[in-house]
Amino acid sequence: MAQDKVIVLGRDENDIIRILELDADGKLILAGDSVIQVADPWTLALVSDTGTNDNDKALTVPAGYEWQILSLFVSYTADGNAGDRQLEVSVRDGADNVVFQVRPGATQAVSEVRYYTFAPSMADLTDFRDTDLMTTPLPPTLFLPANYDVRVRDNNNVSAGDDMIIRLLVAARAIS
């Protein structure tokens, strides 16, 4: 009976991934000259925009990097201008073409403070929990290359005097 080949990846002390496999006797051996060099490992990073008096912001992946989106937190304070706010999160390429978009399941009224969390595996709420918290799921594999951005805005554009604070948690790495 033929035995399936098992391949194991492991990092050595120089952060080089070595490929190992089982031989016919079930012993772990180095697989030929196969080596994968990791230029830069993934690291966690928090990217924020905490400026006030705005309802439209974008955070851009810097040149030479890529991001995996882990979560996005938005604190949104609507001013006294009448009208319902509808948050919208878009991922755009370097030419501002939308490649992904999601909206929470409820709108926000005048003079309200609300908190939004966008992340994989979040409940897709259609009403605010505990009066002020909204959660909305994101795909678990949302990777962004250099020069893509994450835009958060009130798509009803009620008031540029609203205060929106965004905090984006990403796994980031340099690319070559």
C-alpha atoms as a PDB file:
ATOM      1  CA  MET A   1       0.000   0.000   0.000  1.00  0.00           C
ATOM      2  CA  ALA A   2       1.371   3.411  -0.998  1.00  0.00           C
ATOM      3  CA  GLN A   3       1.971   5.943   1.749  1.00  0.00           C
ATOM      4  CA  ASP A   4       0.840   9.563   1.291  1.00  0.00           C
ATOM      5  CA  LYS A   5       3.656  12.094   1.376  1.00  0.00           C
ATOM      6  CA  VAL A   6       3.503  14.404   4.378  1.00  0.00           C
ATOM      7  CA  ILE A   7       5.164  17.797   4.099  1.00  0.00           C
ATOM      8  CA  VAL A   8       6.016  19.940   7.110  1.00  0.00           C
ATOM      9  CA  LEU A   9       7.044  23.583   7.009  1.00  0.00           C
ATOM     10  CA  GLY A  10       9.209  24.980   9.780  1.00  0.00           C
ATOM     11  CA  ARG A  11      11.237  28.151  10.354  1.00  0.00           C
ATOM     12  CA  ASP A  12      14.892  27.966  11.275  1.00  0.00           C
ATOM     13  CA  GLU A  13      16.826  30.486  13.407  1.00  0.00           C
ATOM     14  CA  ASN A  14      17.231  32.814  10.375  1.00  0.00           C
ATOM     15  CA  ASP A  15      13.464  32.937   9.745  1.00  0.00           C
ATOM     16  CA  ILE A  16      13.869  30.763   6.648  1.00  0.00           C
ATOM     17  CA  ILE A  17      11.112  28.251   6.065  1.00  0.00           C
ATOM     18  CA  ARG A  18      12.527  24.761   5.572  1.00  0.00           C
ATOM     19  CA  ILE A  19      10.521  22.064   3.856  1.00  0.00           C
ATOM     20  CA  LEU A  20      10.636  18.653   5.510  1.00  0.00           C
ATOM     21  CA  GLU A  21       8.951  15.425   4.496  1.00  0.00           C
ATOM     22  CA  LEU A  22       8.583  11.863   5.649  1.00  0.00           C
ATOM     23  CA  ASP A  23      10.686   9.249   3.886  1.00  0.00           C
ATOM     24  CA  ALA A  24       9.502   5.711   3.085  1.00  0.00           C
ATOM     25  CA  ASP A  25      10.377   4.605   6.641  1.00  0.00           C
ATOM     26  CA  GLY A  26       8.392   7.445   8.220  1.00  0.00           C
ATOM     27  CA  LYS A  27      11.484   9.460   9.186  1.00  0.00           C
ATOM     28  CA  LEU A  28      11.537  13.247   8.878  1.00  0.00           C
ATOM     29  CA  ILE A  29      14.102  14.435   6.295  1.00  0.00           C
ATOM     30  CA  LEU A  30      15.076  17.716   4.629  1.00  0.00           C
ATOM     31  CA  ALA A  31      13.324  17.863   1.248  1.00  0.00           C
ATOM     32  CA  GLY A  32      16.093  18.343  -1.318  1.00  0.00           C
ATOM     33  CA  ASP A  33      17.224  21.955  -1.671  1.00  0.00           C
ATOM     34  CA  SER A  34      13.756  23.381  -1.202  1.00  0.00           C
ATOM     35  CA  VAL A  35      13.867  26.576   0.852  1.00  0.00           C
ATOM     36  CA  ILE A  36      11.385  29.423   1.024  1.00  0.00           C
ATOM     37  CA  GLN A  37      12.845  32.773   2.071  1.00  0.00           C
ATOM     38  CA  VAL A  38      10.479  35.031   3.985  1.00  0.00           C
ATOM     39  CA  ALA A  39      11.381  38.671   3.284  1.00  0.00           C
ATOM     40  CA  ASP A  40       9.352  40.040   6.148  1.00  0.00           C
ATOM     41  CA  PRO A  41       7.001  38.173   8.477  1.00  0.00           C
ATOM     42  CA  TRP A  42       3.493  39.378   9.203  1.00  0.00           C
ATOM     43  CA  THR A  43       3.211  41.807  12.120  1.00  0.00           C
ATOM     44  CA  LEU A  44       0.181  43.378  13.744  1.00  0.00           C
ATOM     45  CA  ALA A  45      -0.363  47.081  13.212  1.00  0.00           C
ATOM     46  CA  LEU A  46      -2.985  49.602  14.257  1.00  0.00           C
ATOM     47  CA  VAL A  47      -3.732  52.270  11.656  1.00  0.00           C
ATOM     48  CA  SER A  48      -5.936  55.138  12.867  1.00  0.00           C
ATOM     49  CA  ASP A  49      -7.480  58.436  11.886  1.00  0.00           C
ATOM     50  CA  THR A  50      -8.736  60.283  14.950  1.00  0.00           C
ATOM     51  CA  GLY A  51      -9.350  63.683  13.380  1.00  0.00           C
ATOM     52  CA  THR A  52     -12.738  65.310  13.914  1.00  0.00           C
ATOM     53  CA  ASN A  53     -15.266  67.196  11.774  1.00  0.00           C
ATOM     54  CA  ASP A  54     -15.554  64.691   8.946  1.00  0.00           C
ATOM     55  CA  ASN A  55     -17.775  61.927   7.652  1.00  0.00           C
ATOM     56  CA  ASP A  56     -15.461  60.436   5.017  1.00  0.00           C
ATOM     57  CA  LYS A  57     -12.007  58.925   5.658  1.00  0.00           C
ATOM     58  CA  ALA A  58      -9.624  56.557   3.924  1.00  0.00           C
ATOM     59  CA  LEU A  59      -6.589  54.613   5.156  1.00  0.00           C
ATOM     60  CA  THR A  60      -4.155  53.579   2.414  1.00  0.00           C
ATOM     61  CA  VAL A  61      -1.794  50.594   2.282  1.00  0.00           C
ATOM     62  CA  PRO A  62       1.690  52.113   1.912  1.00  0.00           C
ATOM     63  CA  ALA A  63       3.852  51.304  -1.115  1.00  0.00           C
ATOM     64  CA  GLY A  64       5.942  48.189  -0.493  1.00  0.00           C
ATOM     65  CA  TYR A  65       3.429  46.643   1.938  1.00  0.00           C
ATOM     66  CA  GLU A  66       0.345  44.457   1.996  1.00  0.00           C
ATOM     67  CA  TRP A  67      -2.344  44.222   4.661  1.00  0.00           C
ATOM     68  CA  GLN A  68      -4.787  41.630   5.848  1.00  0.00           C
ATOM     69  CA  ILE A  69      -7.756  43.349   7.486  1.00  0.00           C
ATOM     70  CA  LEU A  70      -8.403  41.897  10.943  1.00  0.00           C
ATOM     71  CA  SER A  71     -10.930  44.399  12.313  1.00  0.00           C
ATOM     72  CA  LEU A  72     -12.205  47.927  11.918  1.00  0.00           C
ATOM     73  CA  PHE A  73     -13.630  49.997  14.780  1.00  0.00           C
ATOM     74  CA  VAL A  74     -15.578  53.200  14.087  1.00  0.00           C
ATOM     75  CA  SER A  75     -16.771  55.699  16.664  1.00  0.00           C
ATOM     76  CA  TYR A  76     -19.301  57.998  14.988  1.00  0.00           C
ATOM     77  CA  THR A  77     -20.856  61.106  16.537  1.00  0.00           C
ATOM     78  CA  ALA A  78     -23.621  62.678  14.473  1.00  0.00           C
ATOM     79  CA  ASP A  79     -24.020  66.435  14.881  1.00  0.00           C
ATOM     80  CA  GLY A  80     -27.338  68.319  15.009  1.00  0.00           C
ATOM     81  CA  ASN A  81     -27.969  68.344  11.251  1.00  0.00           C
ATOM     82  CA  ALA A  82     -31.121  66.378  10.478  1.00  0.00           C
ATOM     83  CA  GLY A  83     -30.867  63.149   8.502  1.00  0.00           C
ATOM     84  CA  ASP A  84     -30.027  59.484   8.972  1.00  0.00           C
ATOM     85  CA  ARG A  85     -26.406  58.447   8.529  1.00  0.00           C
ATOM     86  CA  GLN A  86     -25.622  55.152   6.750  1.00  0.00           C
ATOM     87  CA  LEU A  87     -22.035  54.050   7.244  1.00  0.00           C
ATOM     88  CA  GLU A  88     -20.333  52.350   4.341  1.00  0.00           C
ATOM     89  CA  VAL A  89     -16.976  50.566   4.329  1.00  0.00           C
ATOM     90  CA  SER A  90     -15.340  50.157   0.921  1.00  0.00           C
ATOM     91  CA  VAL A  91     -12.064  48.692  -0.254  1.00  0.00           C
ATOM     92  CA  ARG A  92     -10.755  50.540  -3.302  1.00  0.00           C
ATOM     93  CA  ASP A  93      -7.865  49.886  -5.655  1.00  0.00           C
ATOM     94  CA  GLY A  94      -5.240  52.498  -6.520  1.00  0.00           C
ATOM     95  CA  ALA A  95      -7.603  54.074  -9.080  1.00  0.00           C
ATOM     96  CA  ASP A  96     -10.468  54.391  -6.520  1.00  0.00           C
ATOM     97  CA  ASN A  97     -12.466  51.522  -8.061  1.00  0.00           C
ATOM     98  CA  VAL A  98     -14.553  49.792  -5.372  1.00  0.00           C
ATOM     99  CA  VAL A  99     -13.613  46.109  -5.087  1.00  0.00           C
ATOM    100  CA  PHE A 100     -15.495  45.334  -1.845  1.00  0.00           C
ATOM    101  CA  GLN A 101     -18.230  47.102   0.101  1.00  0.00           C
ATOM    102  CA  VAL A 102     -20.327  46.489   3.213  1.00  0.00           C
ATOM    103  CA  ARG A 103     -22.889  48.504   5.191  1.00  0.00           C
ATOM    104  CA  PRO A 104     -24.138  47.944   8.734  1.00  0.00           C
ATOM    105  CA  GLY A 105     -27.712  46.738   9.169  1.00  0.00           C
ATOM    106  CA  ALA A 106     -29.078  50.000  10.626  1.00  0.00           C
ATOM    107  CA  THR A 107     -28.795  53.745  10.166  1.00  0.00           C
ATOM    108  CA  GLN A 108     -27.767  56.345  12.752  1.00  0.00           C
ATOM    109  CA  ALA A 109     -29.965  59.324  13.598  1.00  0.00           C
ATOM    110  CA  VAL A 110     -29.171  62.968  14.329  1.00  0.00           C
ATOM    111  CA  SER A 111     -27.183  63.792  17.517  1.00  0.00           C
ATOM    112  CA  GLU A 112     -26.379  60.140  18.303  1.00  0.00           C
ATOM    113  CA  VAL A 113     -23.073  58.537  19.253  1.00  0.00           C
ATOM    114  CA  ARG A 114     -22.655  54.996  17.905  1.00  0.00           C
ATOM    115  CA  TYR A 115     -19.857  52.414  17.834  1.00  0.00           C
ATOM    116  CA  TYR A 116     -19.334  50.011  14.936  1.00  0.00           C
ATOM    117  CA  THR A 117     -17.141  46.909  14.769  1.00  0.00           C
ATOM    118  CA  PHE A 118     -16.415  45.241  11.423  1.00  0.00           C
ATOM    119  CA  ALA A 119     -14.513  41.932  11.622  1.00  0.00           C
ATOM    120  CA  PRO A 120     -14.650  38.301  10.450  1.00  0.00           C
ATOM    121  CA  SER A 121     -17.100  36.121  12.403  1.00  0.00           C
ATOM    122  CA  MET A 122     -19.011  39.096  13.836  1.00  0.00           C
ATOM    123  CA  ALA A 123     -22.780  38.900  14.109  1.00  0.00           C
ATOM    124  CA  ASP A 124     -24.580  40.759  11.328  1.00  0.00           C
ATOM    125  CA  LEU A 125     -26.761  42.922  13.566  1.00  0.00           C
ATOM    126  CA  THR A 126     -29.753  44.823  12.203  1.00  0.00           C
ATOM    127  CA  ASP A 127     -30.250  46.873  15.372  1.00  0.00           C
ATOM    128  CA  PHE A 128     -27.862  48.456  17.854  1.00  0.00           C
ATOM    129  CA  ARG A 129     -26.961  46.276  20.827  1.00  0.00           C
ATOM    130  CA  ASP A 130     -27.149  47.979  24.230  1.00  0.00           C
ATOM    131  CA  THR A 131     -28.456  51.041  22.313  1.00  0.00           C
ATOM    132  CA  ASP A 132     -25.130  52.006  20.694  1.00  0.00           C
ATOM    133  CA  LEU A 133     -23.080  49.041  19.367  1.00  0.00           C
ATOM    134  CA  MET A 134     -23.360  47.626  15.831  1.00  0.00           C
ATOM    135  CA  THR A 135     -21.378  44.644  14.505  1.00  0.00           C
ATOM    136  CA  THR A 136     -20.992  43.657  10.861  1.00  0.00           C
ATOM    137  CA  PRO A 137     -19.004  40.732   9.423  1.00  0.00           C
ATOM    138  CA  LEU A 138     -16.086  41.006   6.999  1.00  0.00           C
ATOM    139  CA  PRO A 139     -14.651  38.172   4.890  1.00  0.00           C
ATOM    140  CA  PRO A 140     -11.884  36.310   6.765  1.00  0.00           C
ATOM    141  CA  THR A 141      -9.404  36.649   3.909  1.00  0.00           C
ATOM    142  CA  LEU A 142      -9.531  40.334   3.048  1.00  0.00           C
ATOM    143  CA  PHE A 143      -5.996  41.048   1.746  1.00  0.00           C
ATOM    144  CA  LEU A 144      -5.066  44.447   0.314  1.00  0.00           C
ATOM    145  CA  PRO A 145      -2.021  45.107  -1.872  1.00  0.00           C
ATOM    146  CA  ALA A 146      -0.035  48.341  -1.825  1.00  0.00           C
ATOM    147  CA  ASN A 147      -1.976  51.518  -2.700  1.00  0.00           C
ATOM    148  CA  TYR A 148      -5.399  49.992  -1.986  1.00  0.00           C
ATOM    149  CA  ASP A 149      -7.398  51.794   0.697  1.00  0.00           C
ATOM    150  CA  VAL A 150     -10.173  51.247   3.208  1.00  0.00           C
ATOM    151  CA  ARG A 151     -12.710  54.049   2.988  1.00  0.00           C
ATOM    152  CA  VAL A 152     -15.302  54.673   5.707  1.00  0.00           C
ATOM    153  CA  ARG A 153     -18.006  57.247   5.049  1.00  0.00           C
ATOM    154  CA  ASP A 154     -21.589  58.291   5.589  1.00  0.00           C
ATOM    155  CA  ASN A 155     -22.971  57.400   2.182  1.00  0.00           C
ATOM    156  CA  ASN A 156     -25.873  59.815   2.757  1.00  0.00           C
ATOM    157  CA  ASN A 157     -23.302  62.610   3.304  1.00  0.00           C
ATOM    158  CA  VAL A 158     -25.553  64.329   5.862  1.00  0.00           C
ATOM    159  CA  SER A 159     -22.944  66.498   7.581  1.00  0.00           C
ATOM    160  CA  ALA A 160     -19.205  67.026   7.197  1.00  0.00           C
ATOM    161  CA  GLY A 161     -19.360  68.320  10.795  1.00  0.00           C
ATOM    162  CA  ASP A 162     -19.887  64.811  12.174  1.00  0.00           C
ATOM    163  CA  ASP A 163     -16.997  63.273  14.121  1.00  0.00           C
ATOM    164  CA  MET A 164     -15.723  59.906  12.919  1.00  0.00           C
ATOM    165  CA  ILE A 165     -12.788  58.098  14.492  1.00  0.00           C
ATOM    166  CA  ILE A 166     -11.536  54.943  12.775  1.00  0.00           C
ATOM    167  CA  ARG A 167      -9.078  52.314  14.001  1.00  0.00           C
ATOM    168  CA  LEU A 168      -8.034  49.566  11.619  1.00  0.00           C
ATOM    169  CA  LEU A 169      -6.214  46.490  12.969  1.00  0.00           C
ATOM    170  CA  VAL A 170      -4.196  44.786  10.236  1.00  0.00           C
ATOM    171  CA  ALA A 171      -1.603  42.103   9.758  1.00  0.00           C
ATOM    172  CA  ALA A 172       1.037  43.863   7.676  1.00  0.00           C
ATOM    173  CA  ARG A 173       4.215  42.832   5.900  1.00  0.00           C
ATOM    174  CA  ALA A 174       6.736  44.321   3.550  1.00  0.00           C
ATOM    175  CA  ILE A 175       6.786  42.958   0.025  1.00  0.00           C
ATOM    176  CA  SER A 176       9.482  43.114  -2.587  1.00  0.00           C
END
